[in-house]
């Protein structure tokens, strides 16, 4: 892809994010870049996707809903009720409109960084994982194991994260997005196949 001035993009993005969110964004960008180096993924794409994954996060919910309606961004009934998911789809629009991103791999990584999906691309997995393990994260269980596994096996890391995410959500009042369930089933089956069919 064409060379993009990531520093300029980062300076612009900082104006639109709360301070803590920007620090998280930097953490995801650097972690995604490291994972890309490790797994042979395009480094610049990983940097840009990591940088822009939360570009719509700090837009007020009402404005996100208006943008979806105005620009024909389809939302499921679950997304309508769970505003924390809106920023992924709106983020794709912002990345295209404000930052001139046309690369489908980058846009896909932004789109699925919250829910995951079955059979993700390498870049989609890297951004999903980087969002979970960046250095500022500390609350999730099994982080030391997941961080280590991330630099060894992306598919196994997806399984571990999705397993723990479902376990956490099932213990709270939060309901689960269908796409996350489908993603878990996909990576659970892949995990079982690779482990010789052992049930987990």
C-alpha atoms as a PDB file:
ATOM      1  CA  UNK A   1       0.000   0.000   0.000  1.00  0.00           C
ATOM      2  CA  UNK A   2       1.028   3.619  -0.413  1.00  0.00           C
ATOM      3  CA  UNK A   3       3.250   5.151   2.261  1.00  0.00           C
ATOM      4  CA  UNK A   4       1.148   6.985   4.842  1.00  0.00           C
ATOM      5  CA  UNK A   5       2.423   9.545   7.333  1.00  0.00           C
ATOM      6  CA  UNK A   6       1.491   7.700  10.517  1.00  0.00           C
ATOM      7  CA  UNK A   7       2.898  10.456  12.767  1.00  0.00           C
ATOM      8  CA  UNK A   8       0.652  13.044  11.143  1.00  0.00           C
ATOM      9  CA  UNK A   9      -2.328  10.715  11.495  1.00  0.00           C
ATOM     10  CA  UNK A  10      -1.479  10.137  15.156  1.00  0.00           C
ATOM     11  CA  UNK A  11      -1.236  13.871  15.885  1.00  0.00           C
ATOM     12  CA  UNK A  12      -4.620  14.435  14.294  1.00  0.00           C
ATOM     13  CA  UNK A  13      -6.267  11.548  16.116  1.00  0.00           C
ATOM     14  CA  UNK A  14      -5.010  12.762  19.508  1.00  0.00           C
ATOM     15  CA  UNK A  15      -7.274  15.803  19.217  1.00  0.00           C
ATOM     16  CA  UNK A  16     -10.372  13.587  19.048  1.00  0.00           C
ATOM     17  CA  UNK A  17      -9.631  11.097  21.820  1.00  0.00           C
ATOM     18  CA  UNK A  18      -9.663  11.410  25.595  1.00  0.00           C
ATOM     19  CA  UNK A  19      -6.176  11.175  27.105  1.00  0.00           C
ATOM     20  CA  UNK A  20      -6.559   7.649  28.507  1.00  0.00           C
ATOM     21  CA  UNK A  21      -8.095   6.430  25.249  1.00  0.00           C
ATOM     22  CA  UNK A  22      -5.184   7.876  23.289  1.00  0.00           C
ATOM     23  CA  UNK A  23      -2.675   6.132  25.570  1.00  0.00           C
ATOM     24  CA  UNK A  24      -4.561   2.867  25.000  1.00  0.00           C
ATOM     25  CA  UNK A  25      -4.511   3.523  21.256  1.00  0.00           C
ATOM     26  CA  UNK A  26      -0.744   4.000  21.295  1.00  0.00           C
ATOM     27  CA  UNK A  27      -0.401   0.760  23.241  1.00  0.00           C
ATOM     28  CA  UNK A  28      -2.478  -1.110  20.675  1.00  0.00           C
ATOM     29  CA  UNK A  29      -0.520   0.394  17.780  1.00  0.00           C
ATOM     30  CA  UNK A  30       2.859  -0.612  19.244  1.00  0.00           C
ATOM     31  CA  UNK A  31       1.627  -4.066  20.268  1.00  0.00           C
ATOM     32  CA  UNK A  32       0.083  -4.668  16.832  1.00  0.00           C
ATOM     33  CA  UNK A  33       3.327  -3.600  15.185  1.00  0.00           C
ATOM     34  CA  UNK A  34       5.297  -6.041  17.336  1.00  0.00           C
ATOM     35  CA  UNK A  35       2.889  -8.871  16.526  1.00  0.00           C
ATOM     36  CA  UNK A  36       3.093  -8.006  12.825  1.00  0.00           C
ATOM     37  CA  UNK A  37       6.900  -8.223  12.957  1.00  0.00           C
ATOM     38  CA  UNK A  38       6.676 -11.559  14.744  1.00  0.00           C
ATOM     39  CA  UNK A  39       4.117 -13.151  12.412  1.00  0.00           C
ATOM     40  CA  UNK A  40       5.174 -11.662   9.079  1.00  0.00           C
ATOM     41  CA  UNK A  41       2.205  -9.341   8.643  1.00  0.00           C
ATOM     42  CA  UNK A  42       2.396  -5.948   6.904  1.00  0.00           C
ATOM     43  CA  UNK A  43       3.866  -3.637   9.559  1.00  0.00           C
ATOM     44  CA  UNK A  44       2.432  -0.385   8.222  1.00  0.00           C
ATOM     45  CA  UNK A  45      -1.068  -1.848   7.981  1.00  0.00           C
ATOM     46  CA  UNK A  46      -0.794  -3.078  11.574  1.00  0.00           C
ATOM     47  CA  UNK A  47       0.341   0.372  12.742  1.00  0.00           C
ATOM     48  CA  UNK A  48      -2.516   2.151  10.980  1.00  0.00           C
ATOM     49  CA  UNK A  49      -5.201  -0.340  12.024  1.00  0.00           C
ATOM     50  CA  UNK A  50      -3.951  -0.232  15.616  1.00  0.00           C
ATOM     51  CA  UNK A  51      -3.924   3.537  15.582  1.00  0.00           C
ATOM     52  CA  UNK A  52      -7.416   3.898  14.129  1.00  0.00           C
ATOM     53  CA  UNK A  53      -9.209   0.970  15.767  1.00  0.00           C
ATOM     54  CA  UNK A  54     -10.873   3.271  18.344  1.00  0.00           C
ATOM     55  CA  UNK A  55     -11.026   6.421  16.208  1.00  0.00           C
ATOM     56  CA  UNK A  56     -14.796   6.696  16.791  1.00  0.00           C
ATOM     57  CA  UNK A  57     -14.732   5.650  20.447  1.00  0.00           C
ATOM     58  CA  UNK A  58     -15.092   9.134  21.946  1.00  0.00           C
ATOM     59  CA  UNK A  59     -17.904  10.294  19.656  1.00  0.00           C
ATOM     60  CA  UNK A  60     -21.097  10.648  21.740  1.00  0.00           C
ATOM     61  CA  UNK A  61     -23.541   7.768  21.301  1.00  0.00           C
ATOM     62  CA  UNK A  62     -26.264  10.011  19.909  1.00  0.00           C
ATOM     63  CA  UNK A  63     -23.897  11.275  17.220  1.00  0.00           C
ATOM     64  CA  UNK A  64     -22.740   7.745  16.381  1.00  0.00           C
ATOM     65  CA  UNK A  65     -26.372   6.719  15.881  1.00  0.00           C
ATOM     66  CA  UNK A  66     -26.995   9.763  13.674  1.00  0.00           C
ATOM     67  CA  UNK A  67     -23.932   8.939  11.565  1.00  0.00           C
ATOM     68  CA  UNK A  68     -25.160   5.371  11.124  1.00  0.00           C
ATOM     69  CA  UNK A  69     -28.591   6.565  10.027  1.00  0.00           C
ATOM     70  CA  UNK A  70     -27.229   9.280   7.729  1.00  0.00           C
ATOM     71  CA  UNK A  71     -24.648   7.090   5.979  1.00  0.00           C
ATOM     72  CA  UNK A  72     -26.589   3.844   5.810  1.00  0.00           C
ATOM     73  CA  UNK A  73     -24.497   1.956   8.338  1.00  0.00           C
ATOM     74  CA  UNK A  74     -26.627  -1.065   9.215  1.00  0.00           C
ATOM     75  CA  UNK A  75     -26.954  -1.939  12.893  1.00  0.00           C
ATOM     76  CA  UNK A  76     -28.344  -5.094  14.452  1.00  0.00           C
ATOM     77  CA  UNK A  77     -30.903  -4.848  17.248  1.00  0.00           C
ATOM     78  CA  UNK A  78     -28.154  -5.959  19.624  1.00  0.00           C
ATOM     79  CA  UNK A  79     -25.851  -3.150  18.479  1.00  0.00           C
ATOM     80  CA  UNK A  80     -28.666  -0.650  18.893  1.00  0.00           C
ATOM     81  CA  UNK A  81     -28.961  -1.696  22.545  1.00  0.00           C
ATOM     82  CA  UNK A  82     -25.221  -1.939  23.213  1.00  0.00           C
ATOM     83  CA  UNK A  83     -23.611   1.373  22.368  1.00  0.00           C
ATOM     84  CA  UNK A  84     -20.133   0.088  23.223  1.00  0.00           C
ATOM     85  CA  UNK A  85     -20.180  -1.824  19.919  1.00  0.00           C
ATOM     86  CA  UNK A  86     -21.104   1.134  17.717  1.00  0.00           C
ATOM     87  CA  UNK A  87     -17.610   2.583  17.477  1.00  0.00           C
ATOM     88  CA  UNK A  88     -16.327  -0.333  15.381  1.00  0.00           C
ATOM     89  CA  UNK A  89     -18.695   0.226  12.459  1.00  0.00           C
ATOM     90  CA  UNK A  90     -18.594   4.012  12.805  1.00  0.00           C
ATOM     91  CA  UNK A  91     -14.809   3.733  13.023  1.00  0.00           C
ATOM     92  CA  UNK A  92     -14.719   2.200   9.545  1.00  0.00           C
ATOM     93  CA  UNK A  93     -16.617   5.227   8.224  1.00  0.00           C
ATOM     94  CA  UNK A  94     -14.324   7.684  10.072  1.00  0.00           C
ATOM     95  CA  UNK A  95     -11.193   5.876   8.848  1.00  0.00           C
ATOM     96  CA  UNK A  96     -12.389   6.194   5.258  1.00  0.00           C
ATOM     97  CA  UNK A  97     -13.810   9.707   5.478  1.00  0.00           C
ATOM     98  CA  UNK A  98     -11.342  11.489   7.787  1.00  0.00           C
ATOM     99  CA  UNK A  99      -8.137   9.521   7.255  1.00  0.00           C
ATOM    100  CA  UNK A 100      -8.545   8.402   3.626  1.00  0.00           C
ATOM    101  CA  UNK A 101      -8.119   4.714   4.400  1.00  0.00           C
ATOM    102  CA  UNK A 102      -9.323   2.494   1.569  1.00  0.00           C
ATOM    103  CA  UNK A 103      -7.423  -0.707   2.347  1.00  0.00           C
ATOM    104  CA  UNK A 104      -9.967  -3.469   2.999  1.00  0.00           C
ATOM    105  CA  UNK A 105      -7.687  -5.343   5.395  1.00  0.00           C
ATOM    106  CA  UNK A 106      -7.285  -2.299   7.647  1.00  0.00           C
ATOM    107  CA  UNK A 107     -10.994  -1.506   7.527  1.00  0.00           C
ATOM    108  CA  UNK A 108     -11.846  -5.121   8.346  1.00  0.00           C
ATOM    109  CA  UNK A 109      -9.513  -5.056  11.352  1.00  0.00           C
ATOM    110  CA  UNK A 110     -11.257  -1.916  12.655  1.00  0.00           C
ATOM    111  CA  UNK A 111     -14.684  -3.417  11.975  1.00  0.00           C
ATOM    112  CA  UNK A 112     -14.140  -6.652  13.912  1.00  0.00           C
ATOM    113  CA  UNK A 113     -11.847  -5.576  16.749  1.00  0.00           C
ATOM    114  CA  UNK A 114     -14.674  -5.660  19.308  1.00  0.00           C
ATOM    115  CA  UNK A 115     -16.630  -8.794  18.410  1.00  0.00           C
ATOM    116  CA  UNK A 116     -14.219 -10.887  16.401  1.00  0.00           C
ATOM    117  CA  UNK A 117     -15.646 -13.181  13.729  1.00  0.00           C
ATOM    118  CA  UNK A 118     -15.057 -16.662  12.338  1.00  0.00           C
ATOM    119  CA  UNK A 119     -12.001 -17.167  10.119  1.00  0.00           C
ATOM    120  CA  UNK A 120     -10.423 -13.754  10.657  1.00  0.00           C
ATOM    121  CA  UNK A 121      -7.571 -12.465   8.516  1.00  0.00           C
ATOM    122  CA  UNK A 122      -4.128 -12.271  10.057  1.00  0.00           C
ATOM    123  CA  UNK A 123      -4.414  -8.502  10.481  1.00  0.00           C
ATOM    124  CA  UNK A 124      -7.891  -8.766  12.021  1.00  0.00           C
ATOM    125  CA  UNK A 125      -6.548 -11.242  14.569  1.00  0.00           C
ATOM    126  CA  UNK A 126      -3.540  -9.066  15.339  1.00  0.00           C
ATOM    127  CA  UNK A 127      -5.677  -5.982  16.082  1.00  0.00           C
ATOM    128  CA  UNK A 128      -8.212  -7.951  18.113  1.00  0.00           C
ATOM    129  CA  UNK A 129      -5.414  -9.493  20.172  1.00  0.00           C
ATOM    130  CA  UNK A 130      -3.401  -6.270  20.518  1.00  0.00           C
ATOM    131  CA  UNK A 131      -6.499  -4.513  21.851  1.00  0.00           C
ATOM    132  CA  UNK A 132      -6.732  -7.186  24.552  1.00  0.00           C
ATOM    133  CA  UNK A 133      -3.088  -7.494  25.573  1.00  0.00           C
ATOM    134  CA  UNK A 134      -1.567  -4.013  25.142  1.00  0.00           C
ATOM    135  CA  UNK A 135       0.587  -2.977  28.136  1.00  0.00           C
ATOM    136  CA  UNK A 136      -2.117  -0.790  29.692  1.00  0.00           C
ATOM    137  CA  UNK A 137      -4.463  -3.747  30.104  1.00  0.00           C
ATOM    138  CA  UNK A 138      -4.335  -5.504  33.461  1.00  0.00           C
ATOM    139  CA  UNK A 139      -7.826  -6.679  34.515  1.00  0.00           C
ATOM    140  CA  UNK A 140      -8.354  -9.714  32.293  1.00  0.00           C
ATOM    141  CA  UNK A 141      -7.566 -13.155  33.652  1.00  0.00           C
ATOM    142  CA  UNK A 142      -4.735 -15.232  32.173  1.00  0.00           C
ATOM    143  CA  UNK A 143      -3.013 -12.192  30.642  1.00  0.00           C
ATOM    144  CA  UNK A 144       0.565 -13.496  31.129  1.00  0.00           C
ATOM    145  CA  UNK A 145      -0.284 -16.725  29.262  1.00  0.00           C
ATOM    146  CA  UNK A 146      -2.248 -14.908  26.544  1.00  0.00           C
ATOM    147  CA  UNK A 147       0.531 -12.357  26.010  1.00  0.00           C
ATOM    148  CA  UNK A 148       3.104 -15.117  25.639  1.00  0.00           C
ATOM    149  CA  UNK A 149       0.896 -17.175  23.310  1.00  0.00           C
ATOM    150  CA  UNK A 150       0.194 -14.121  21.123  1.00  0.00           C
ATOM    151  CA  UNK A 151       3.801 -14.174  19.901  1.00  0.00           C
ATOM    152  CA  UNK A 152       3.619 -17.903  19.185  1.00  0.00           C
ATOM    153  CA  UNK A 153       0.182 -18.732  17.762  1.00  0.00           C
ATOM    154  CA  UNK A 154      -2.517 -16.219  16.750  1.00  0.00           C
ATOM    155  CA  UNK A 155      -5.306 -18.789  16.371  1.00  0.00           C
ATOM    156  CA  UNK A 156      -4.683 -20.285  19.806  1.00  0.00           C
ATOM    157  CA  UNK A 157      -4.615 -16.773  21.265  1.00  0.00           C
ATOM    158  CA  UNK A 158      -7.993 -16.017  19.685  1.00  0.00           C
ATOM    159  CA  UNK A 159      -9.379 -19.154  21.313  1.00  0.00           C
ATOM    160  CA  UNK A 160      -8.004 -18.220  24.736  1.00  0.00           C
ATOM    161  CA  UNK A 161      -9.313 -14.643  24.592  1.00  0.00           C
ATOM    162  CA  UNK A 162     -12.760 -15.610  23.311  1.00  0.00           C
ATOM    163  CA  UNK A 163     -13.037 -18.402  25.877  1.00  0.00           C
ATOM    164  CA  UNK A 164     -12.228 -16.027  28.719  1.00  0.00           C
ATOM    165  CA  UNK A 165     -14.482 -13.305  27.279  1.00  0.00           C
ATOM    166  CA  UNK A 166     -17.470 -15.652  27.122  1.00  0.00           C
ATOM    167  CA  UNK A 167     -16.727 -16.940  30.601  1.00  0.00           C
ATOM    168  CA  UNK A 168     -16.649 -13.365  31.916  1.00  0.00           C
ATOM    169  CA  UNK A 169     -19.814 -12.246  30.120  1.00  0.00           C
ATOM    170  CA  UNK A 170     -21.730 -15.350  31.225  1.00  0.00           C
ATOM    171  CA  UNK A 171     -20.953 -14.361  34.810  1.00  0.00           C
ATOM    172  CA  UNK A 172     -22.373 -10.847  34.396  1.00  0.00           C
ATOM    173  CA  UNK A 173     -25.661  -9.336  33.303  1.00  0.00           C
ATOM    174  CA  UNK A 174     -24.146  -8.515  29.903  1.00  0.00           C
ATOM    175  CA  UNK A 175     -25.617 -10.327  26.924  1.00  0.00           C
ATOM    176  CA  UNK A 176     -23.435 -11.635  24.140  1.00  0.00           C
ATOM    177  CA  UNK A 177     -23.184 -10.531  20.548  1.00  0.00           C
ATOM    178  CA  UNK A 178     -23.962 -13.309  18.060  1.00  0.00           C
ATOM    179  CA  UNK A 179     -20.765 -12.643  16.122  1.00  0.00           C
ATOM    180  CA  UNK A 180     -18.636 -13.195  19.230  1.00  0.00           C
ATOM    181  CA  UNK A 181     -20.355 -16.523  19.855  1.00  0.00           C
ATOM    182  CA  UNK A 182     -19.731 -17.556  16.247  1.00  0.00           C
ATOM    183  CA  UNK A 183     -16.103 -16.484  16.535  1.00  0.00           C
ATOM    184  CA  UNK A 184     -15.674 -18.531  19.704  1.00  0.00           C
ATOM    185  CA  UNK A 185     -17.200 -21.636  18.124  1.00  0.00           C
ATOM    186  CA  UNK A 186     -14.896 -21.299  15.126  1.00  0.00           C
ATOM    187  CA  UNK A 187     -11.710 -20.965  17.176  1.00  0.00           C
ATOM    188  CA  UNK A 188     -12.851 -23.566  19.718  1.00  0.00           C
ATOM    189  CA  UNK A 189     -13.279 -26.124  16.939  1.00  0.00           C
ATOM    190  CA  UNK A 190      -9.923 -25.156  15.472  1.00  0.00           C
ATOM    191  CA  UNK A 191      -8.339 -25.561  18.910  1.00  0.00           C
ATOM    192  CA  UNK A 192      -9.917 -29.013  19.313  1.00  0.00           C
ATOM    193  CA  UNK A 193      -8.783 -30.156  15.867  1.00  0.00           C
ATOM    194  CA  UNK A 194      -5.223 -29.085  16.545  1.00  0.00           C
ATOM    195  CA  UNK A 195      -5.243 -30.720  19.973  1.00  0.00           C
ATOM    196  CA  UNK A 196      -6.435 -34.032  18.550  1.00  0.00           C
ATOM    197  CA  UNK A 197     -10.142 -33.582  19.119  1.00  0.00           C
ATOM    198  CA  UNK A 198      -9.975 -33.258  22.882  1.00  0.00           C
ATOM    199  CA  UNK A 199     -13.048 -31.506  24.249  1.00  0.00           C
ATOM    200  CA  UNK A 200     -12.579 -28.285  26.259  1.00  0.00           C
END
